[in-house]
Protein backbone atom coordinates (compact mmCIF):
# COMPACT_ATOMS: atom_id res chain seq x y z
CA MET A 1 140.08 95.75 72.39
CA THR A 2 141.47 95.21 76.06
CA LYS A 3 139.25 93.59 78.60
CA ASP A 4 138.33 95.22 81.43
CA ARG A 5 140.02 94.52 84.46
CA LEU A 6 139.39 92.51 87.41
CA LEU A 7 141.25 92.59 90.65
CA VAL A 8 141.21 89.46 93.09
CA ILE A 9 142.38 89.75 96.58
CA ASP A 10 142.30 86.57 98.64
CA ASP A 11 145.04 84.51 100.94
CA GLU A 12 143.91 81.04 100.13
CA LEU A 13 145.01 79.87 96.67
CA GLY A 14 141.93 77.77 95.80
CA PRO A 15 139.66 80.49 96.30
CA ARG A 16 141.74 83.02 94.43
CA GLU A 17 142.50 80.57 91.47
CA SER A 18 139.08 79.56 91.14
CA LEU A 19 138.35 82.89 90.48
CA ARG A 20 140.81 83.66 88.27
CA PHE A 21 139.74 80.53 86.28
CA LEU A 22 136.14 81.55 85.92
CA PHE A 23 136.87 85.34 84.72
CA LYS A 24 139.90 84.71 82.57
CA ASP A 25 138.08 84.69 79.30
CA SER A 26 136.12 87.80 79.96
CA TYR A 27 138.34 89.95 82.14
CA ASP A 28 142.30 90.85 82.48
CA VAL A 29 142.35 89.01 85.83
CA LEU A 30 145.03 90.20 88.33
CA CYS A 31 145.66 88.04 91.96
CA ALA A 32 146.91 89.18 95.01
CA ASP A 33 147.41 86.92 98.05
CA SER A 34 147.27 89.75 100.60
CA VAL A 35 145.72 93.14 101.09
CA ASP A 36 149.09 95.12 100.76
CA LYS A 37 149.83 93.22 97.58
CA GLY A 38 146.76 94.09 96.33
CA LEU A 39 146.76 97.78 96.90
CA GLU A 40 150.31 97.65 95.17
CA ALA A 41 148.32 96.08 91.77
CA LEU A 42 145.68 98.98 92.36
CA ASN A 43 148.15 101.56 91.98
CA SER A 44 150.07 99.86 89.31
CA THR A 45 147.52 98.96 87.19
CA PRO A 46 143.91 100.12 88.45
CA PRO A 47 140.99 97.78 87.92
CA ASP A 48 137.26 97.85 87.00
CA CYS A 49 136.13 95.65 89.88
CA ILE A 50 138.01 94.33 92.64
CA ILE A 51 136.48 90.80 94.45
CA SER A 52 138.15 90.87 98.34
CA ASP A 53 138.01 88.27 100.80
CA ILE A 54 137.04 89.71 104.09
CA LYS A 55 139.01 87.74 106.93
CA MET A 56 142.83 87.40 105.90
CA PRO A 57 145.90 87.60 108.19
CA GLY A 58 147.52 90.83 108.24
CA LYS A 59 145.46 93.39 107.01
CA SER A 60 141.84 91.90 106.94
CA GLY A 61 139.62 92.90 103.70
CA ILE A 62 137.84 95.51 105.88
CA GLU A 63 141.33 97.36 106.62
CA GLY A 64 142.20 96.83 102.63
CA LEU A 65 138.68 98.43 101.71
CA LYS A 66 139.08 101.63 103.51
CA GLU A 67 142.53 102.04 101.96
CA ILE A 68 141.07 101.00 98.70
CA ARG A 69 138.88 103.72 99.07
CA SER A 70 141.50 106.53 99.74
CA VAL A 71 142.85 105.26 96.58
CA ASP A 72 140.21 105.03 94.25
CA PRO A 73 136.70 106.05 95.31
CA GLN A 74 134.78 104.83 92.37
CA VAL A 75 136.17 101.47 91.69
CA SER A 76 133.44 98.82 92.41
CA VAL A 77 134.33 96.73 95.43
CA ILE A 78 132.65 92.96 96.15
CA MET A 79 133.36 91.53 99.59
CA LEU A 80 133.40 87.91 99.69
CA THR A 81 133.22 85.92 103.19
CA GLY A 82 133.00 82.45 104.21
CA PHE A 83 132.17 83.68 107.94
CA GLY A 84 129.40 86.11 107.08
CA SER A 85 127.87 88.18 110.08
CA LEU A 86 125.58 91.08 109.97
CA GLU A 87 128.32 93.06 112.03
CA THR A 88 130.76 92.31 109.01
CA ALA A 89 128.42 93.18 106.57
CA GLN A 90 127.56 96.30 108.01
CA LYS A 91 131.24 97.31 108.28
CA ALA A 92 131.95 96.33 104.60
CA ILE A 93 128.84 98.58 103.38
CA ARG A 94 130.18 101.72 105.68
CA TYR A 95 133.32 101.74 104.66
CA GLY A 96 131.85 101.68 100.81
CA ALA A 97 131.95 98.15 99.77
CA THR A 98 129.31 98.02 96.54
CA ASP A 99 128.39 94.37 97.17
CA TYR A 100 128.89 91.57 99.63
CA MET A 101 128.50 87.80 98.77
CA GLN A 102 129.07 84.63 100.95
CA LYS A 103 131.12 81.46 100.07
CA PRO A 104 130.63 79.27 98.44
CA PHE A 105 129.21 81.53 95.66
CA ASN A 106 127.04 80.71 93.03
CA THR A 107 129.07 81.29 89.71
CA GLY A 108 126.66 82.37 87.41
CA GLU A 109 125.46 84.96 90.18
CA LEU A 110 129.00 86.18 90.52
CA ARG A 111 129.52 86.69 86.71
CA GLU A 112 126.36 88.96 86.94
CA VAL A 113 127.36 91.01 89.89
CA VAL A 114 131.02 91.11 88.68
CA ALA A 115 129.66 92.09 84.89
CA SER A 116 126.89 94.62 86.46
CA HIS A 117 130.01 96.37 88.92
CA VAL A 118 132.41 96.59 86.07
CA GLN A 119 129.84 98.76 84.07
CA ARG A 120 128.93 100.66 87.44
CA THR A 121 132.91 101.41 87.60
CA LYS A 122 133.21 102.46 84.23
CA LEU A 123 130.37 104.66 84.16
CA GLN A 124 131.54 106.62 87.22
CA ARG A 125 134.43 107.14 86.00
CA LYS A 126 133.12 108.32 82.87
CA GLN A 127 130.87 110.78 84.41
CA ILE A 128 133.71 112.21 86.59
CA ALA A 129 135.90 112.66 83.72
CA THR A 130 132.88 114.57 81.85
CA THR A 131 132.36 116.61 84.74
CA ASP A 132 135.85 117.83 84.99
CA HIS A 133 135.54 118.45 81.41
CA LEU A 134 132.81 120.37 81.59
CA GLU A 135 134.25 122.03 84.94
CA ASN A 136 137.10 123.26 82.76
CA LEU A 137 135.28 124.16 79.92
CA ALA A 138 133.13 126.59 82.36
CA ALA A 139 136.36 127.80 83.60
CA LYS A 140 137.73 128.75 80.39
CA LEU A 141 134.52 130.05 79.08
CA GLN A 142 134.03 132.25 82.66
CA SER A 143 137.81 133.31 81.57
CA GLN A 144 136.38 134.20 77.98
CA LEU A 145 133.78 135.97 79.47
CA GLY A 146 135.75 138.40 81.66
CA GLU A 147 138.32 139.03 78.78
CA LYS A 148 135.12 140.00 76.56
CA GLU A 149 133.57 142.16 79.36
CA GLU A 150 136.95 143.84 79.90
CA LEU A 151 137.08 144.71 75.95
CA ALA A 152 133.44 145.78 76.39
CA GLU A 153 134.20 148.26 79.18
CA LEU A 154 137.29 149.21 76.89
CA GLY A 155 135.09 149.93 74.34
CA GLU A 156 132.43 151.94 76.27
CA LYS A 157 135.19 153.97 77.62
CA SER A 158 136.42 154.74 74.10
CA SER A 159 133.48 155.70 73.00
CA GLU A 160 132.64 157.77 75.89
CA PHE A 161 136.10 159.66 75.19
CA LEU A 162 135.41 160.39 71.47
CA HIS A 163 132.14 161.63 72.39
CA ASP A 164 133.92 164.06 74.49
CA LEU A 165 136.69 164.80 72.38
CA SER A 166 134.23 165.41 69.44
CA ASN A 167 133.01 168.61 71.19
CA PRO A 168 135.82 170.20 71.35
CA ILE A 169 137.20 169.46 67.74
CA CYS A 170 133.85 171.25 66.44
CA VAL A 171 134.85 174.01 68.40
CA ILE A 172 138.18 174.17 66.95
CA ASN A 173 137.21 172.90 63.36
CA GLY A 174 134.54 176.27 63.64
CA TYR A 175 137.32 178.35 64.29
CA VAL A 176 139.58 177.19 61.24
CA LYS A 177 136.55 177.74 59.31
CA ILE A 178 136.18 181.15 60.36
CA LEU A 179 140.08 182.08 60.46
CA LEU A 180 139.88 180.27 56.82
CA GLN A 181 137.45 182.93 55.59
């Protein structure tokens, strides 16, 4: 059985490696030292959960979050920051973060949060796949119903035609009997 996948995006080696070490036994952990590399990893091997730092050189975690949402709206994204403020928390939530945590983090709490968000992502993906499957089935059934309705209409018209045809045939049959006598 394959492990669930976790993507860690953090420009600092220490926190990135701490998270990799913390989760390596439970998850397949991918690490990226920038938002752009994280997006590459997201596109090549979709994770079940992403942990991203907010304050990074180049693209910030918030900018990365916007791009992550355009690529994968279902994946859970946990934003981590050592410089938390109400404004950054609001931006993170506004752009689709599923959770927001302060550094330094409590490892037990972070493990629980990641586990619940991995399950959330998997359930959302399963729900979307099931919905797509049901929509495809409904479309097929609708198509088949249309075909059945066409056949029923054809049968009805055939029945009307045979009924209309039976009257002249009865008359012809009567004339044939008279001629035979």
